[in-house]
Protein backbone atom coordinates (compact mmCIF):
# COMPACT_ATOMS: atom_id res chain seq x y z
CA MET A 1 -19.47 -4.77 1.61
CA ALA A 2 -18.14 -2.26 4.69
CA THR A 3 -16.83 -2.77 8.40
CA TYR A 4 -19.13 -1.50 10.77
CA LYS A 5 -18.89 -1.54 14.68
CA ILE A 6 -21.85 -2.55 16.43
CA THR A 7 -23.19 -1.50 19.82
CA TYR A 8 -26.17 -3.37 20.98
CA LYS A 9 -28.81 -2.02 23.76
CA ASP A 10 -27.02 -4.28 26.51
CA GLY A 11 -23.50 -1.82 25.71
CA SER A 12 -21.55 -4.53 24.14
CA THR A 13 -20.23 -4.73 20.79
CA ASN A 14 -18.95 -6.76 17.78
CA GLN A 15 -17.33 -5.24 14.47
CA ILE A 16 -18.77 -6.84 11.61
CA VAL A 17 -18.30 -6.49 7.80
CA GLY A 18 -21.64 -6.86 5.81
CA GLY A 19 -24.25 -4.44 4.74
CA GLU A 20 -25.75 -1.64 6.47
CA ALA A 21 -29.18 -3.98 5.83
CA PHE A 22 -28.14 -6.31 8.38
CA CYS A 23 -27.23 -3.37 10.90
CA LYS A 24 -30.50 -2.17 11.04
CA GLU A 25 -31.81 -5.42 11.48
CA VAL A 26 -29.63 -6.48 14.85
CA THR A 27 -30.09 -2.87 16.48
CA LYS A 28 -33.92 -1.98 15.24
CA ASP A 29 -34.47 -3.13 19.28
CA GLY A 30 -31.85 -0.43 20.41
CA GLY A 31 -28.40 -0.29 20.40
CA SER A 32 -26.37 1.48 17.32
CA TYR A 33 -24.06 1.05 14.59
CA GLU A 34 -21.23 2.98 12.79
CA LEU A 35 -19.41 2.57 9.66
CA ILE A 36 -15.69 1.97 10.19
CA PRO A 37 -14.12 4.09 7.63
CA PRO A 38 -10.91 1.77 5.56
CA HIS A 39 -7.41 2.03 6.56
CA THR A 40 -5.48 4.76 5.33
CA LEU A 41 -1.24 4.62 5.28
CA ASP A 42 0.12 7.15 6.39
CA GLN A 43 3.60 9.23 4.50
CA GLU A 44 6.09 6.62 6.58
CA GLN A 45 4.31 3.49 5.07
CA ILE A 46 4.00 5.19 1.24
CA ASP A 47 7.75 5.74 1.79
CA ASP A 48 8.74 2.13 2.94
CA ILE A 49 6.48 0.48 0.98
CA ALA A 50 8.05 2.52 -2.37
CA ARG A 51 12.14 1.59 -0.82
CA ASP A 52 10.73 -1.73 -0.81
CA TRP A 53 9.87 -1.60 -4.59
CA ARG A 54 13.21 -0.04 -5.54
CA ASN A 55 15.28 -2.53 -3.37
CA SER A 56 13.24 -5.54 -5.29
CA GLU A 57 14.16 -3.78 -8.58
CA LEU A 58 17.91 -3.04 -7.37
CA ALA A 59 18.31 -7.20 -6.52
CA THR A 60 16.52 -8.15 -9.09
CA THR A 61 18.18 -5.92 -11.83
CA ASP A 62 21.91 -6.81 -9.65
CA THR A 63 22.51 -10.58 -11.62
CA LEU A 64 21.47 -8.21 -14.97
CA TYR A 65 24.49 -5.86 -14.44
CA LEU A 66 26.90 -8.77 -13.88
CA LEU A 67 26.44 -9.99 -17.37
CA ASP A 68 29.15 -8.84 -19.68
CA ASP A 69 26.96 -9.40 -22.51
CA TYR A 70 23.62 -7.91 -21.34
CA PRO A 71 22.60 -5.59 -23.53
CA ASP A 72 22.12 -1.94 -23.58
CA LYS A 73 23.30 -2.44 -20.10
CA ASP A 74 23.93 1.46 -20.47
CA LYS A 75 20.70 1.93 -20.16
CA LEU A 76 20.30 -0.54 -17.02
CA LYS A 77 23.06 1.08 -15.52
CA ALA A 78 21.53 4.66 -15.54
CA TYR A 79 18.41 2.76 -14.38
CA ARG A 80 19.66 1.25 -11.77
CA GLN A 81 21.47 5.41 -10.63
CA ALA A 82 17.54 6.31 -10.84
CA LEU A 83 16.69 4.01 -8.36
CA ARG A 84 19.55 4.97 -5.70
CA ASP A 85 18.54 8.15 -6.51
CA TRP A 86 14.64 8.51 -6.13
CA PRO A 87 14.28 8.64 -2.49
CA SER A 88 16.04 12.13 -2.84
CA THR A 89 14.29 13.46 -5.43
CA ALA A 90 10.54 15.30 -5.66
CA ASP A 91 9.30 12.22 -6.98
CA PHE A 92 9.94 10.22 -4.33
CA PRO A 93 7.24 8.38 -4.27
CA ASN A 94 5.07 9.24 -6.65
CA THR A 95 6.74 8.29 -9.72
CA ARG A 96 8.99 5.64 -10.09
CA PRO A 97 12.40 5.35 -11.98
CA THR A 98 11.61 3.18 -15.31
CA LEU A 99 13.83 1.44 -17.24
CA GLY A 100 14.45 3.28 -20.78
């Protein structure tokens, strides 16, 4: 399935999600159709999604970090620092920090 813009012979248009065979059928008496490419994200949107994930990870680990007896607390501390530093690194937004 894909998204198409159909232009009927009277000049009216419609946008549909369907197959090319359907588009051919409804435009066989005149009119046209064109495939509408899927929406792509721009770099700002990609960066925003990465920051949202990072903020979620920091929020999730906030409580864990407050536990005095949390195992591997040093690893958690390093992970949280990596999350805070991530947007200023060359890895951003392609390679997410991991808790290691």
